[in-house]
Amino acid sequence: MKPLNESMNVRDELLKIPDLRSLLDELEGIWREEQIRRHTFWAEVDENRKAEFILGEIIYHSPIYGRHWMASSNILTRLLPFVKENNLGKVGIEKVMIRLTRNDYEPDICFWLKGQAENFGKTQSAFPPPDFIIEILSESTKDRDYGIKMTDYALHGIKEYWIVDPENLSVEQYLLDQKQFQLAQKLREGILKAEVRKGFKIGVKDIFEE
């Protein structure tokens, strides 16, 4: 993830360019074209196929491996009852699209606290940034999960982010700190406790059980 001070350095360098106006015009044209593609994506996206709009491109996802959906299922079988029984909010799974300033994502698992979730409509198809996101790594998504998604999720105030690695049987827990994620812990065993939703916990080995 690019640190905020690095982003500020890039901005400062851009401000030194003599033909800044020309560059801004070029960037504005790129932005308009990208938004046209994005609106087309919204209109044509197939609810039966997982797809995301990232940095101007449509990313289609291949079918997942068994270790991926087993990890997802093991988390959900514990998270969903906990949230429902305690009336805490709503959990989104796989095909739930969150719409951020530039990009549209379909996280593996996400959670909204009740105050925000109670305003969702039954026919709503795109949702605001959640409070908590879990992404399960694969070879095709690893760079984005650690790269653009981590940066974008933090910039949009998502408070907690777990990266689940089925290959190495580990989970990394990141917590938001001034629009950047800081690694709180990386576990291969023991109990992982959520910070956004106090009370939810899961054994790391339970996540990867077959």
N, C-alpha and C. Protein backbone atom coordinates (compact mmCIF):
# COMPACT_ATOMS: atom_id res chain seq x y z
N MET A 1 0.84 -1.19 0.00
CA MET A 1 0.00 0.00 0.00
C MET A 1 0.88 1.25 0.00
N LYS A 2 0.55 2.21 -0.84
CA LYS A 2 1.34 3.43 -0.93
C LYS A 2 1.06 4.32 0.29
N PRO A 3 2.09 4.68 1.08
CA PRO A 3 1.89 5.55 2.25
C PRO A 3 1.34 6.90 1.84
N LEU A 4 0.64 7.56 2.77
CA LEU A 4 0.07 8.86 2.48
C LEU A 4 1.14 9.88 2.15
N ASN A 5 2.27 9.82 2.85
CA ASN A 5 3.32 10.81 2.59
C ASN A 5 3.90 10.62 1.19
N GLU A 6 3.90 9.38 0.68
CA GLU A 6 4.35 9.15 -0.69
C GLU A 6 3.38 9.76 -1.68
N SER A 7 2.07 9.61 -1.41
CA SER A 7 1.06 10.23 -2.28
C SER A 7 1.20 11.74 -2.28
N MET A 8 1.51 12.31 -1.12
CA MET A 8 1.69 13.76 -1.03
C MET A 8 2.91 14.19 -1.83
N ASN A 9 3.96 13.37 -1.84
CA ASN A 9 5.16 13.69 -2.61
C ASN A 9 4.85 13.72 -4.10
N VAL A 10 4.04 12.75 -4.54
CA VAL A 10 3.64 12.72 -5.95
C VAL A 10 2.87 13.99 -6.30
N ARG A 11 1.96 14.39 -5.42
CA ARG A 11 1.20 15.62 -5.65
C ARG A 11 2.11 16.83 -5.74
N ASP A 12 3.07 16.90 -4.82
CA ASP A 12 4.00 18.04 -4.81
C ASP A 12 4.81 18.10 -6.09
N GLU A 13 5.23 16.93 -6.61
CA GLU A 13 5.98 16.90 -7.86
C GLU A 13 5.12 17.35 -9.03
N LEU A 14 3.85 16.93 -9.04
CA LEU A 14 2.94 17.35 -10.11
C LEU A 14 2.76 18.86 -10.12
N LEU A 15 2.71 19.45 -8.94
CA LEU A 15 2.51 20.90 -8.85
C LEU A 15 3.68 21.70 -9.41
N LYS A 16 4.81 21.04 -9.63
CA LYS A 16 5.99 21.72 -10.18
C LYS A 16 6.02 21.69 -11.71
N ILE A 17 5.10 20.96 -12.32
CA ILE A 17 5.11 20.81 -13.77
C ILE A 17 4.63 22.10 -14.44
N PRO A 18 5.39 22.68 -15.36
CA PRO A 18 4.99 23.94 -15.99
C PRO A 18 3.68 23.84 -16.76
N ASP A 19 3.47 22.72 -17.47
CA ASP A 19 2.24 22.57 -18.25
C ASP A 19 1.19 21.76 -17.48
N LEU A 20 1.03 22.10 -16.21
CA LEU A 20 0.08 21.39 -15.35
C LEU A 20 -1.32 21.42 -15.94
N ARG A 21 -1.71 22.56 -16.53
CA ARG A 21 -3.06 22.68 -17.09
C ARG A 21 -3.30 21.63 -18.18
N SER A 22 -2.32 21.41 -19.05
CA SER A 22 -2.46 20.42 -20.10
C SER A 22 -2.60 19.02 -19.51
N LEU A 23 -1.81 18.75 -18.48
CA LEU A 23 -1.90 17.45 -17.83
C LEU A 23 -3.26 17.24 -17.19
N LEU A 24 -3.78 18.29 -16.54
CA LEU A 24 -5.10 18.19 -15.92
C LEU A 24 -6.19 17.94 -16.97
N ASP A 25 -6.08 18.60 -18.11
CA ASP A 25 -7.04 18.39 -19.19
C ASP A 25 -6.99 16.95 -19.69
N GLU A 26 -5.77 16.43 -19.83
CA GLU A 26 -5.60 15.05 -20.29
C GLU A 26 -6.20 14.07 -19.28
N LEU A 27 -5.92 14.31 -18.01
CA LEU A 27 -6.45 13.44 -16.96
C LEU A 27 -7.97 13.51 -16.89
N GLU A 28 -8.52 14.70 -17.10
CA GLU A 28 -9.98 14.85 -17.09
C GLU A 28 -10.61 14.05 -18.23
N GLY A 29 -9.96 14.06 -19.40
CA GLY A 29 -10.47 13.27 -20.52
C GLY A 29 -10.42 11.79 -20.23
N ILE A 30 -9.33 11.33 -19.61
CA ILE A 30 -9.20 9.93 -19.23
C ILE A 30 -10.29 9.56 -18.22
N TRP A 31 -10.53 10.46 -17.27
CA TRP A 31 -11.57 10.21 -16.25
C TRP A 31 -12.96 10.08 -16.89
N ARG A 32 -13.29 10.97 -17.82
CA ARG A 32 -14.60 10.92 -18.47
C ARG A 32 -14.78 9.60 -19.22
N GLU A 33 -13.76 9.20 -19.97
CA GLU A 33 -13.83 7.94 -20.71
C GLU A 33 -13.99 6.75 -19.76
N GLU A 34 -13.28 6.81 -18.66
CA GLU A 34 -13.36 5.72 -17.69
C GLU A 34 -14.76 5.64 -17.09
N GLN A 35 -15.35 6.80 -16.79
CA GLN A 35 -16.68 6.80 -16.21
C GLN A 35 -17.75 6.29 -17.19
N ILE A 36 -17.55 6.53 -18.47
CA ILE A 36 -18.46 5.98 -19.48
C ILE A 36 -18.39 4.45 -19.44
N ARG A 37 -17.16 3.90 -19.39
CA ARG A 37 -17.00 2.45 -19.30
C ARG A 37 -17.61 1.92 -18.00
N ARG A 38 -17.46 2.70 -16.94
CA ARG A 38 -17.99 2.26 -15.65
C ARG A 38 -19.52 2.20 -15.67
N HIS A 39 -20.16 3.19 -16.26
CA HIS A 39 -21.62 3.17 -16.35
C HIS A 39 -22.10 2.02 -17.23
N THR A 40 -21.34 1.71 -18.27
CA THR A 40 -21.68 0.55 -19.10
C THR A 40 -21.56 -0.73 -18.28
N PHE A 41 -20.52 -0.81 -17.46
CA PHE A 41 -20.35 -1.96 -16.57
C PHE A 41 -21.54 -2.11 -15.64
N TRP A 42 -21.99 -1.00 -15.05
CA TRP A 42 -23.15 -1.07 -14.15
C TRP A 42 -24.38 -1.59 -14.88
N ALA A 43 -24.55 -1.15 -16.11
CA ALA A 43 -25.75 -1.52 -16.87
C ALA A 43 -25.72 -2.97 -17.32
N GLU A 44 -24.52 -3.49 -17.58
CA GLU A 44 -24.42 -4.81 -18.20
C GLU A 44 -23.92 -5.91 -17.28
N VAL A 45 -23.54 -5.58 -16.06
CA VAL A 45 -22.98 -6.58 -15.16
C VAL A 45 -23.98 -7.71 -14.94
N ASP A 46 -23.48 -8.94 -14.99
CA ASP A 46 -24.28 -10.14 -14.82
C ASP A 46 -24.26 -10.56 -13.35
N GLU A 47 -25.42 -10.60 -12.72
CA GLU A 47 -25.45 -10.92 -11.30
C GLU A 47 -25.03 -12.35 -11.01
N ASN A 48 -24.93 -13.19 -12.04
CA ASN A 48 -24.53 -14.58 -11.85
C ASN A 48 -23.02 -14.79 -12.00
N ARG A 49 -22.30 -13.72 -12.34
CA ARG A 49 -20.85 -13.84 -12.52
C ARG A 49 -20.16 -12.76 -11.73
N LYS A 50 -19.16 -13.15 -10.98
CA LYS A 50 -18.44 -12.18 -10.15
C LYS A 50 -17.54 -11.32 -11.03
N ALA A 51 -17.74 -10.01 -10.96
CA ALA A 51 -16.95 -9.07 -11.75
C ALA A 51 -16.75 -7.80 -10.94
N GLU A 52 -15.61 -7.13 -11.17
CA GLU A 52 -15.30 -5.89 -10.48
C GLU A 52 -14.79 -4.88 -11.50
N PHE A 53 -14.98 -3.60 -11.19
CA PHE A 53 -14.47 -2.53 -12.03
C PHE A 53 -13.35 -1.84 -11.27
N ILE A 54 -12.10 -2.02 -11.76
CA ILE A 54 -10.93 -1.56 -11.03
C ILE A 54 -10.01 -0.79 -11.96
N LEU A 55 -9.77 0.48 -11.64
CA LEU A 55 -8.86 1.32 -12.40
C LEU A 55 -9.18 1.31 -13.90
N GLY A 56 -10.48 1.38 -14.19
CA GLY A 56 -10.92 1.51 -15.58
C GLY A 56 -11.11 0.20 -16.31
N GLU A 57 -10.84 -0.92 -15.66
CA GLU A 57 -10.97 -2.22 -16.31
C GLU A 57 -11.98 -3.09 -15.61
N ILE A 58 -12.65 -3.93 -16.40
CA ILE A 58 -13.56 -4.93 -15.83
C ILE A 58 -12.75 -6.19 -15.56
N ILE A 59 -12.80 -6.65 -14.32
CA ILE A 59 -12.07 -7.85 -13.91
C ILE A 59 -13.08 -8.96 -13.66
N TYR A 60 -13.03 -10.02 -14.48
CA TYR A 60 -13.89 -11.17 -14.27
C TYR A 60 -13.14 -12.23 -13.47
N HIS A 61 -13.85 -12.87 -12.55
CA HIS A 61 -13.21 -13.84 -11.68
C HIS A 61 -13.50 -15.27 -12.12
N SER A 62 -12.47 -16.09 -12.09
CA SER A 62 -12.62 -17.50 -12.42
C SER A 62 -13.29 -18.24 -11.26
N PRO A 63 -13.82 -19.44 -11.51
CA PRO A 63 -14.37 -20.24 -10.40
C PRO A 63 -13.31 -20.46 -9.32
N ILE A 64 -13.75 -20.48 -8.08
CA ILE A 64 -12.81 -20.59 -6.96
C ILE A 64 -12.47 -22.04 -6.67
N TYR A 65 -11.28 -22.25 -6.05
CA TYR A 65 -10.87 -23.59 -5.62
C TYR A 65 -11.59 -23.96 -4.32
N GLY A 66 -11.59 -25.27 -4.06
CA GLY A 66 -12.27 -25.77 -2.87
C GLY A 66 -11.76 -25.15 -1.59
N ARG A 67 -10.43 -24.96 -1.47
CA ARG A 67 -9.87 -24.41 -0.23
C ARG A 67 -10.37 -22.98 0.00
N HIS A 68 -10.71 -22.27 -1.09
CA HIS A 68 -11.22 -20.91 -0.98
C HIS A 68 -12.63 -20.92 -0.41
N TRP A 69 -13.52 -21.69 -1.02
CA TRP A 69 -14.90 -21.67 -0.54
C TRP A 69 -15.06 -22.35 0.81
N MET A 70 -14.15 -23.30 1.14
CA MET A 70 -14.23 -23.91 2.47
C MET A 70 -13.87 -22.89 3.54
N ALA A 71 -12.84 -22.08 3.29
CA ALA A 71 -12.48 -21.03 4.25
C ALA A 71 -13.61 -20.02 4.39
N SER A 72 -14.20 -19.64 3.25
CA SER A 72 -15.32 -18.70 3.28
C SER A 72 -16.49 -19.28 4.05
N SER A 73 -16.83 -20.53 3.77
CA SER A 73 -17.96 -21.18 4.45
C SER A 73 -17.72 -21.29 5.95
N ASN A 74 -16.49 -21.63 6.34
CA ASN A 74 -16.19 -21.79 7.76
C ASN A 74 -16.31 -20.47 8.51
N ILE A 75 -15.92 -19.37 7.88
CA ILE A 75 -16.08 -18.06 8.52
C ILE A 75 -17.56 -17.70 8.60
N LEU A 76 -18.27 -17.90 7.50
CA LEU A 76 -19.67 -17.49 7.45
C LEU A 76 -20.56 -18.28 8.41
N THR A 77 -20.27 -19.57 8.58
CA THR A 77 -21.11 -20.37 9.49
C THR A 77 -21.00 -19.88 10.93
N ARG A 78 -19.97 -19.10 11.22
CA ARG A 78 -19.83 -18.53 12.55
C ARG A 78 -20.24 -17.05 12.58
N LEU A 79 -19.92 -16.32 11.52
CA LEU A 79 -20.22 -14.88 11.50
C LEU A 79 -21.71 -14.60 11.34
N LEU A 80 -22.36 -15.29 10.40
CA LEU A 80 -23.78 -15.01 10.13
C LEU A 80 -24.67 -15.21 11.36
N PRO A 81 -24.59 -16.34 12.07
CA PRO A 81 -25.44 -16.49 13.27
C PRO A 81 -25.13 -15.46 14.34
N PHE A 82 -23.84 -15.12 14.49
CA PHE A 82 -23.45 -14.14 15.50
C PHE A 82 -24.09 -12.78 15.21
N VAL A 83 -24.03 -12.35 13.96
CA VAL A 83 -24.60 -11.06 13.57
C VAL A 83 -26.11 -11.07 13.68
N LYS A 84 -26.75 -12.15 13.20
CA LYS A 84 -28.21 -12.21 13.21
C LYS A 84 -28.77 -12.31 14.62
N GLU A 85 -28.21 -13.18 15.42
CA GLU A 85 -28.73 -13.38 16.77
C GLU A 85 -28.60 -12.14 17.64
N ASN A 86 -27.59 -11.33 17.36
CA ASN A 86 -27.36 -10.13 18.17
C ASN A 86 -27.84 -8.86 17.48
N ASN A 87 -28.48 -9.02 16.31
CA ASN A 87 -29.05 -7.88 15.58
C ASN A 87 -28.02 -6.77 15.39
N LEU A 88 -26.89 -7.14 14.78
CA LEU A 88 -25.74 -6.23 14.72
C LEU A 88 -25.61 -5.47 13.41
N GLY A 89 -26.25 -5.97 12.34
CA GLY A 89 -26.09 -5.35 11.04
C GLY A 89 -26.32 -6.36 9.94
N LYS A 90 -25.56 -6.25 8.85
CA LYS A 90 -25.74 -7.16 7.72
C LYS A 90 -24.39 -7.65 7.21
N VAL A 91 -24.39 -8.91 6.75
CA VAL A 91 -23.20 -9.53 6.17
C VAL A 91 -23.40 -9.68 4.67
N GLY A 92 -22.42 -9.26 3.90
CA GLY A 92 -22.46 -9.41 2.45
C GLY A 92 -21.52 -10.53 2.02
N ILE A 93 -21.93 -11.28 0.98
CA ILE A 93 -21.17 -12.45 0.55
C ILE A 93 -20.94 -12.41 -0.95
N GLU A 94 -19.69 -12.53 -1.37
CA GLU A 94 -19.27 -12.76 -2.76
C GLU A 94 -19.84 -11.78 -3.80
N LYS A 95 -21.15 -11.85 -4.07
CA LYS A 95 -21.72 -11.10 -5.18
C LYS A 95 -22.29 -9.75 -4.75
N VAL A 96 -22.07 -9.34 -3.51
CA VAL A 96 -22.53 -8.03 -3.05
C VAL A 96 -21.51 -6.98 -3.48
N MET A 97 -21.97 -6.01 -4.28
CA MET A 97 -21.05 -5.01 -4.82
C MET A 97 -20.99 -3.77 -3.94
N ILE A 98 -19.77 -3.35 -3.62
CA ILE A 98 -19.60 -2.09 -2.92
C ILE A 98 -19.04 -1.07 -3.91
N ARG A 99 -19.58 0.13 -3.87
CA ARG A 99 -19.23 1.17 -4.84
C ARG A 99 -18.43 2.26 -4.14
N LEU A 100 -17.17 2.40 -4.53
CA LEU A 100 -16.31 3.43 -3.98
C LEU A 100 -16.14 4.56 -5.00
N THR A 101 -15.31 5.52 -4.71
CA THR A 101 -15.24 6.71 -5.55
C THR A 101 -14.90 6.39 -7.00
N ARG A 102 -13.91 5.51 -7.19
CA ARG A 102 -13.48 5.19 -8.55
C ARG A 102 -13.76 3.74 -8.94
N ASN A 103 -13.75 2.86 -7.98
CA ASN A 103 -13.80 1.43 -8.26
C ASN A 103 -15.02 0.76 -7.64
N ASP A 104 -15.37 -0.39 -8.21
CA ASP A 104 -16.48 -1.21 -7.72
C ASP A 104 -15.95 -2.60 -7.40
N TYR A 105 -16.17 -3.06 -6.17
CA TYR A 105 -15.62 -4.33 -5.73
C TYR A 105 -16.72 -5.27 -5.24
N GLU A 106 -16.41 -6.56 -5.32
CA GLU A 106 -17.27 -7.59 -4.73
C GLU A 106 -16.41 -8.40 -3.75
N PRO A 107 -16.27 -7.94 -2.52
CA PRO A 107 -15.42 -8.63 -1.54
C PRO A 107 -15.95 -10.03 -1.25
N ASP A 108 -15.06 -10.90 -0.78
CA ASP A 108 -15.48 -12.25 -0.43
C ASP A 108 -16.50 -12.21 0.71
N ILE A 109 -16.22 -11.43 1.73
CA ILE A 109 -17.14 -11.27 2.87
C ILE A 109 -17.02 -9.83 3.36
N CYS A 110 -18.15 -9.21 3.66
CA CYS A 110 -18.10 -7.87 4.25
C CYS A 110 -19.25 -7.69 5.24
N PHE A 111 -19.11 -6.69 6.09
CA PHE A 111 -20.07 -6.49 7.18
C PHE A 111 -20.31 -5.00 7.41
N TRP A 112 -21.61 -4.65 7.52
CA TRP A 112 -22.00 -3.29 7.86
C TRP A 112 -22.64 -3.28 9.24
N LEU A 113 -22.25 -2.35 10.06
CA LEU A 113 -22.90 -2.18 11.35
C LEU A 113 -24.35 -1.74 11.16
N LYS A 114 -25.16 -1.98 12.15
CA LYS A 114 -26.60 -1.80 12.05
C LYS A 114 -27.00 -0.39 11.63
N GLY A 115 -26.33 0.62 12.16
CA GLY A 115 -26.71 2.00 11.86
C GLY A 115 -26.71 2.31 10.38
N GLN A 116 -25.81 1.70 9.63
CA GLN A 116 -25.73 1.91 8.20
C GLN A 116 -26.61 0.91 7.45
N ALA A 117 -26.60 -0.33 7.92
CA ALA A 117 -27.29 -1.41 7.20
C ALA A 117 -28.80 -1.27 7.23
N GLU A 118 -29.36 -0.65 8.24
CA GLU A 118 -30.81 -0.57 8.33
C GLU A 118 -31.41 0.35 7.28
N ASN A 119 -30.57 1.08 6.55
CA ASN A 119 -31.06 1.95 5.48
C ASN A 119 -31.02 1.29 4.11
N PHE A 120 -30.54 0.04 4.02
CA PHE A 120 -30.45 -0.62 2.73
C PHE A 120 -31.83 -1.00 2.22
N GLY A 121 -32.03 -0.85 0.90
CA GLY A 121 -33.30 -1.22 0.29
C GLY A 121 -33.28 -2.63 -0.26
N LYS A 122 -34.46 -3.22 -0.41
CA LYS A 122 -34.57 -4.61 -0.87
C LYS A 122 -34.15 -4.77 -2.33
N THR A 123 -34.26 -3.72 -3.12
CA THR A 123 -33.86 -3.80 -4.53
C THR A 123 -32.54 -3.10 -4.80
N GLN A 124 -31.84 -2.74 -3.76
CA GLN A 124 -30.56 -2.06 -3.90
C GLN A 124 -29.52 -3.03 -4.47
N SER A 125 -28.72 -2.56 -5.42
CA SER A 125 -27.75 -3.45 -6.07
C SER A 125 -26.30 -3.03 -5.85
N ALA A 126 -26.07 -1.87 -5.28
CA ALA A 126 -24.72 -1.41 -4.97
C ALA A 126 -24.75 -0.75 -3.59
N PHE A 127 -23.67 -0.93 -2.85
CA PHE A 127 -23.69 -0.56 -1.45
C PHE A 127 -22.47 0.29 -1.08
N PRO A 128 -22.60 1.07 -0.01
CA PRO A 128 -21.50 1.94 0.43
C PRO A 128 -20.39 1.13 1.10
N PRO A 129 -19.27 1.77 1.40
CA PRO A 129 -18.18 1.05 2.06
C PRO A 129 -18.64 0.39 3.36
N PRO A 130 -18.34 -0.88 3.54
CA PRO A 130 -18.70 -1.56 4.80
C PRO A 130 -17.73 -1.19 5.91
N ASP A 131 -17.98 -1.74 7.09
CA ASP A 131 -17.10 -1.48 8.23
C ASP A 131 -15.96 -2.49 8.32
N PHE A 132 -16.17 -3.65 7.70
CA PHE A 132 -15.26 -4.78 7.89
C PHE A 132 -15.26 -5.61 6.61
N ILE A 133 -14.08 -5.95 6.10
CA ILE A 133 -13.97 -6.75 4.88
C ILE A 133 -13.01 -7.91 5.10
N ILE A 134 -13.35 -9.06 4.53
CA ILE A 134 -12.47 -10.22 4.51
C ILE A 134 -12.25 -10.62 3.06
N GLU A 135 -11.00 -10.69 2.64
CA GLU A 135 -10.66 -11.21 1.32
C GLU A 135 -9.87 -12.50 1.49
N ILE A 136 -10.19 -13.49 0.66
CA ILE A 136 -9.51 -14.79 0.71
C ILE A 136 -8.60 -14.88 -0.51
N LEU A 137 -7.31 -15.04 -0.27
CA LEU A 137 -6.32 -14.96 -1.32
C LEU A 137 -6.42 -16.10 -2.33
N SER A 138 -6.10 -15.76 -3.57
CA SER A 138 -5.83 -16.74 -4.62
C SER A 138 -4.69 -16.16 -5.45
N GLU A 139 -4.09 -16.96 -6.31
CA GLU A 139 -2.98 -16.46 -7.11
C GLU A 139 -3.41 -15.29 -8.00
N SER A 140 -4.65 -15.35 -8.50
CA SER A 140 -5.12 -14.31 -9.43
C SER A 140 -5.52 -13.02 -8.73
N THR A 141 -5.80 -13.07 -7.42
CA THR A 141 -6.28 -11.87 -6.72
C THR A 141 -5.27 -11.30 -5.73
N LYS A 142 -4.19 -12.01 -5.48
CA LYS A 142 -3.26 -11.64 -4.41
C LYS A 142 -2.74 -10.22 -4.55
N ASP A 143 -2.30 -9.86 -5.76
CA ASP A 143 -1.74 -8.51 -5.96
C ASP A 143 -2.77 -7.43 -5.69
N ARG A 144 -4.00 -7.65 -6.12
CA ARG A 144 -5.05 -6.64 -5.88
C ARG A 144 -5.45 -6.58 -4.41
N ASP A 145 -5.51 -7.75 -3.75
CA ASP A 145 -5.91 -7.77 -2.34
C ASP A 145 -4.91 -7.02 -1.46
N TYR A 146 -3.63 -7.12 -1.81
CA TYR A 146 -2.59 -6.42 -1.06
C TYR A 146 -2.31 -5.03 -1.63
N GLY A 147 -2.77 -4.77 -2.84
CA GLY A 147 -2.47 -3.53 -3.52
C GLY A 147 -3.61 -2.54 -3.55
N ILE A 148 -4.26 -2.41 -4.70
CA ILE A 148 -5.30 -1.40 -4.89
C ILE A 148 -6.44 -1.55 -3.90
N LYS A 149 -6.83 -2.78 -3.59
CA LYS A 149 -7.95 -2.94 -2.65
C LYS A 149 -7.58 -2.46 -1.25
N MET A 150 -6.41 -2.85 -0.80
CA MET A 150 -5.99 -2.41 0.54
C MET A 150 -5.93 -0.89 0.62
N THR A 151 -5.37 -0.27 -0.40
CA THR A 151 -5.29 1.20 -0.42
C THR A 151 -6.67 1.83 -0.46
N ASP A 152 -7.52 1.34 -1.36
CA ASP A 152 -8.85 1.92 -1.56
C ASP A 152 -9.74 1.70 -0.34
N TYR A 153 -9.70 0.52 0.22
CA TYR A 153 -10.51 0.24 1.41
C TYR A 153 -10.14 1.19 2.55
N ALA A 154 -8.86 1.40 2.73
CA ALA A 154 -8.41 2.29 3.81
C ALA A 154 -8.83 3.73 3.56
N LEU A 155 -8.67 4.20 2.33
CA LEU A 155 -9.04 5.58 1.99
C LEU A 155 -10.52 5.83 2.19
N HIS A 156 -11.34 4.79 2.09
CA HIS A 156 -12.78 4.94 2.25
C HIS A 156 -13.28 4.57 3.65
N GLY A 157 -12.35 4.49 4.59
CA GLY A 157 -12.74 4.39 5.99
C GLY A 157 -13.18 3.03 6.47
N ILE A 158 -12.85 1.98 5.72
CA ILE A 158 -13.17 0.63 6.19
C ILE A 158 -12.27 0.32 7.37
N LYS A 159 -12.87 -0.01 8.49
CA LYS A 159 -12.14 0.00 9.75
C LYS A 159 -11.27 -1.23 9.97
N GLU A 160 -11.66 -2.36 9.39
CA GLU A 160 -10.92 -3.60 9.65
C GLU A 160 -10.89 -4.44 8.38
N TYR A 161 -9.75 -5.08 8.14
CA TYR A 161 -9.53 -5.84 6.91
C TYR A 161 -8.76 -7.10 7.26
N TRP A 162 -9.35 -8.26 6.94
CA TRP A 162 -8.65 -9.53 7.13
C TRP A 162 -8.26 -10.08 5.77
N ILE A 163 -7.03 -10.55 5.66
CA ILE A 163 -6.59 -11.28 4.47
C ILE A 163 -6.33 -12.72 4.88
N VAL A 164 -7.13 -13.61 4.31
CA VAL A 164 -7.07 -15.04 4.64
C VAL A 164 -6.27 -15.75 3.55
N ASP A 165 -5.26 -16.50 3.95
CA ASP A 165 -4.37 -17.18 3.01
C ASP A 165 -4.54 -18.69 3.15
N PRO A 166 -5.36 -19.31 2.28
CA PRO A 166 -5.61 -20.76 2.40
C PRO A 166 -4.39 -21.61 2.10
N GLU A 167 -3.46 -21.08 1.32
CA GLU A 167 -2.26 -21.86 0.99
C GLU A 167 -1.32 -21.98 2.17
N ASN A 168 -1.11 -20.87 2.88
CA ASN A 168 -0.20 -20.86 4.03
C ASN A 168 -0.92 -21.00 5.36
N LEU A 169 -2.24 -21.17 5.31
CA LEU A 169 -3.05 -21.40 6.51
C LEU A 169 -2.85 -20.29 7.54
N SER A 170 -2.91 -19.05 7.07
CA SER A 170 -2.70 -17.91 7.96
C SER A 170 -3.73 -16.82 7.70
N VAL A 171 -3.89 -15.95 8.68
CA VAL A 171 -4.79 -14.80 8.56
C VAL A 171 -4.06 -13.56 9.05
N GLU A 172 -4.14 -12.48 8.27
CA GLU A 172 -3.59 -11.19 8.67
C GLU A 172 -4.74 -10.26 9.00
N GLN A 173 -4.65 -9.62 10.14
CA GLN A 173 -5.68 -8.67 10.59
C GLN A 173 -5.10 -7.26 10.51
N TYR A 174 -5.73 -6.41 9.71
CA TYR A 174 -5.32 -5.02 9.57
C TYR A 174 -6.38 -4.11 10.17
N LEU A 175 -5.93 -3.08 10.86
CA LEU A 175 -6.84 -2.10 11.46
C LEU A 175 -6.52 -0.71 10.90
N LEU A 176 -7.56 0.09 10.73
CA LEU A 176 -7.40 1.40 10.12
C LEU A 176 -6.76 2.39 11.10
N ASP A 177 -5.80 3.14 10.57
CA ASP A 177 -5.13 4.18 11.35
C ASP A 177 -4.86 5.36 10.43
N GLN A 178 -5.68 6.40 10.52
CA GLN A 178 -5.52 7.61 9.72
C GLN A 178 -5.41 7.30 8.21
N LYS A 179 -6.43 6.58 7.72
CA LYS A 179 -6.56 6.26 6.30
C LYS A 179 -5.47 5.33 5.76
N GLN A 180 -4.82 4.62 6.66
CA GLN A 180 -3.89 3.57 6.28
C GLN A 180 -4.15 2.35 7.16
N PHE A 181 -3.95 1.15 6.60
CA PHE A 181 -4.07 -0.06 7.39
C PHE A 181 -2.73 -0.38 8.04
N GLN A 182 -2.80 -0.74 9.30
CA GLN A 182 -1.64 -1.22 10.03
C GLN A 182 -1.87 -2.68 10.40
N LEU A 183 -0.86 -3.50 10.19
CA LEU A 183 -0.97 -4.92 10.53
C LEU A 183 -1.03 -5.07 12.05
N ALA A 184 -2.15 -5.58 12.53
CA ALA A 184 -2.31 -5.79 13.97
C ALA A 184 -1.69 -7.12 14.38
N GLN A 185 -1.92 -8.15 13.56
CA GLN A 185 -1.34 -9.46 13.85
C GLN A 185 -1.48 -10.39 12.65
N LYS A 186 -0.59 -11.37 12.60
CA LYS A 186 -0.66 -12.43 11.61
C LYS A 186 -0.62 -13.74 12.37
N LEU A 187 -1.65 -14.56 12.18
CA LEU A 187 -1.80 -15.77 12.98
C LEU A 187 -1.87 -17.02 12.12
N ARG A 188 -1.26 -18.09 12.61
CA ARG A 188 -1.42 -19.41 12.02
C ARG A 188 -2.11 -20.36 12.99
N GLU A 189 -2.31 -19.89 14.20
CA GLU A 189 -3.04 -20.65 15.21
C GLU A 189 -3.55 -19.67 16.25
N GLY A 190 -4.35 -20.20 17.18
CA GLY A 190 -4.92 -19.33 18.19
C GLY A 190 -6.28 -18.77 17.78
N ILE A 191 -6.75 -17.79 18.54
CA ILE A 191 -8.07 -17.21 18.33
C ILE A 191 -7.93 -15.80 17.75
N LEU A 192 -8.65 -15.55 16.67
CA LEU A 192 -8.66 -14.22 16.05
C LEU A 192 -9.94 -13.50 16.47
N LYS A 193 -9.79 -12.32 17.04
CA LYS A 193 -10.93 -11.55 17.53
C LYS A 193 -11.11 -10.30 16.68
N ALA A 194 -12.34 -10.07 16.22
CA ALA A 194 -12.64 -8.87 15.44
C ALA A 194 -12.63 -7.65 16.36
N GLU A 195 -12.20 -6.53 15.82
CA GLU A 195 -12.20 -5.28 16.58
C GLU A 195 -13.43 -4.43 16.26
N VAL A 196 -13.85 -4.43 14.99
CA VAL A 196 -15.01 -3.63 14.61
C VAL A 196 -16.26 -4.15 15.30
N ARG A 197 -16.41 -5.46 15.35
CA ARG A 197 -17.58 -6.04 16.01
C ARG A 197 -17.09 -6.86 17.20
N LYS A 198 -16.96 -6.20 18.33
CA LYS A 198 -16.51 -6.86 19.54
C LYS A 198 -17.38 -8.07 19.84
N GLY A 199 -16.75 -9.16 20.21
CA GLY A 199 -17.48 -10.37 20.56
C GLY A 199 -17.35 -11.46 19.52
N PHE A 200 -17.08 -11.07 18.27
CA PHE A 200 -16.90 -12.10 17.25
C PHE A 200 -15.46 -12.59 17.26
N LYS A 201 -15.31 -13.90 17.35
CA LYS A 201 -13.99 -14.51 17.34
C LYS A 201 -14.06 -15.86 16.65
N ILE A 202 -12.92 -16.30 16.14
CA ILE A 202 -12.87 -17.56 15.43
C ILE A 202 -11.47 -18.15 15.56
N GLY A 203 -11.39 -19.45 15.73
CA GLY A 203 -10.10 -20.12 15.76
C GLY A 203 -9.50 -20.13 14.36
N VAL A 204 -8.22 -19.80 14.26
CA VAL A 204 -7.59 -19.76 12.94
C VAL A 204 -7.65 -21.13 12.27
N LYS A 205 -7.38 -22.18 13.01
CA LYS A 205 -7.44 -23.51 12.43
C LYS A 205 -8.85 -23.88 12.00
N ASP A 206 -9.86 -23.32 12.67
CA ASP A 206 -11.25 -23.58 12.28
C ASP A 206 -11.57 -23.01 10.92
N ILE A 207 -10.87 -21.94 10.54
CA ILE A 207 -11.10 -21.33 9.23
C ILE A 207 -10.73 -22.29 8.11
N PHE A 208 -9.71 -23.11 8.33
CA PHE A 208 -9.17 -23.95 7.26
C PHE A 208 -9.56 -25.42 7.39
N GLU A 209 -10.45 -25.73 8.33
CA GLU A 209 -10.85 -27.13 8.48
C GLU A 209 -11.64 -27.59 7.26
N GLU A 210 -11.48 -28.85 6.90
CA GLU A 210 -12.17 -29.40 5.73
C GLU A 210 -13.47 -30.05 6.15
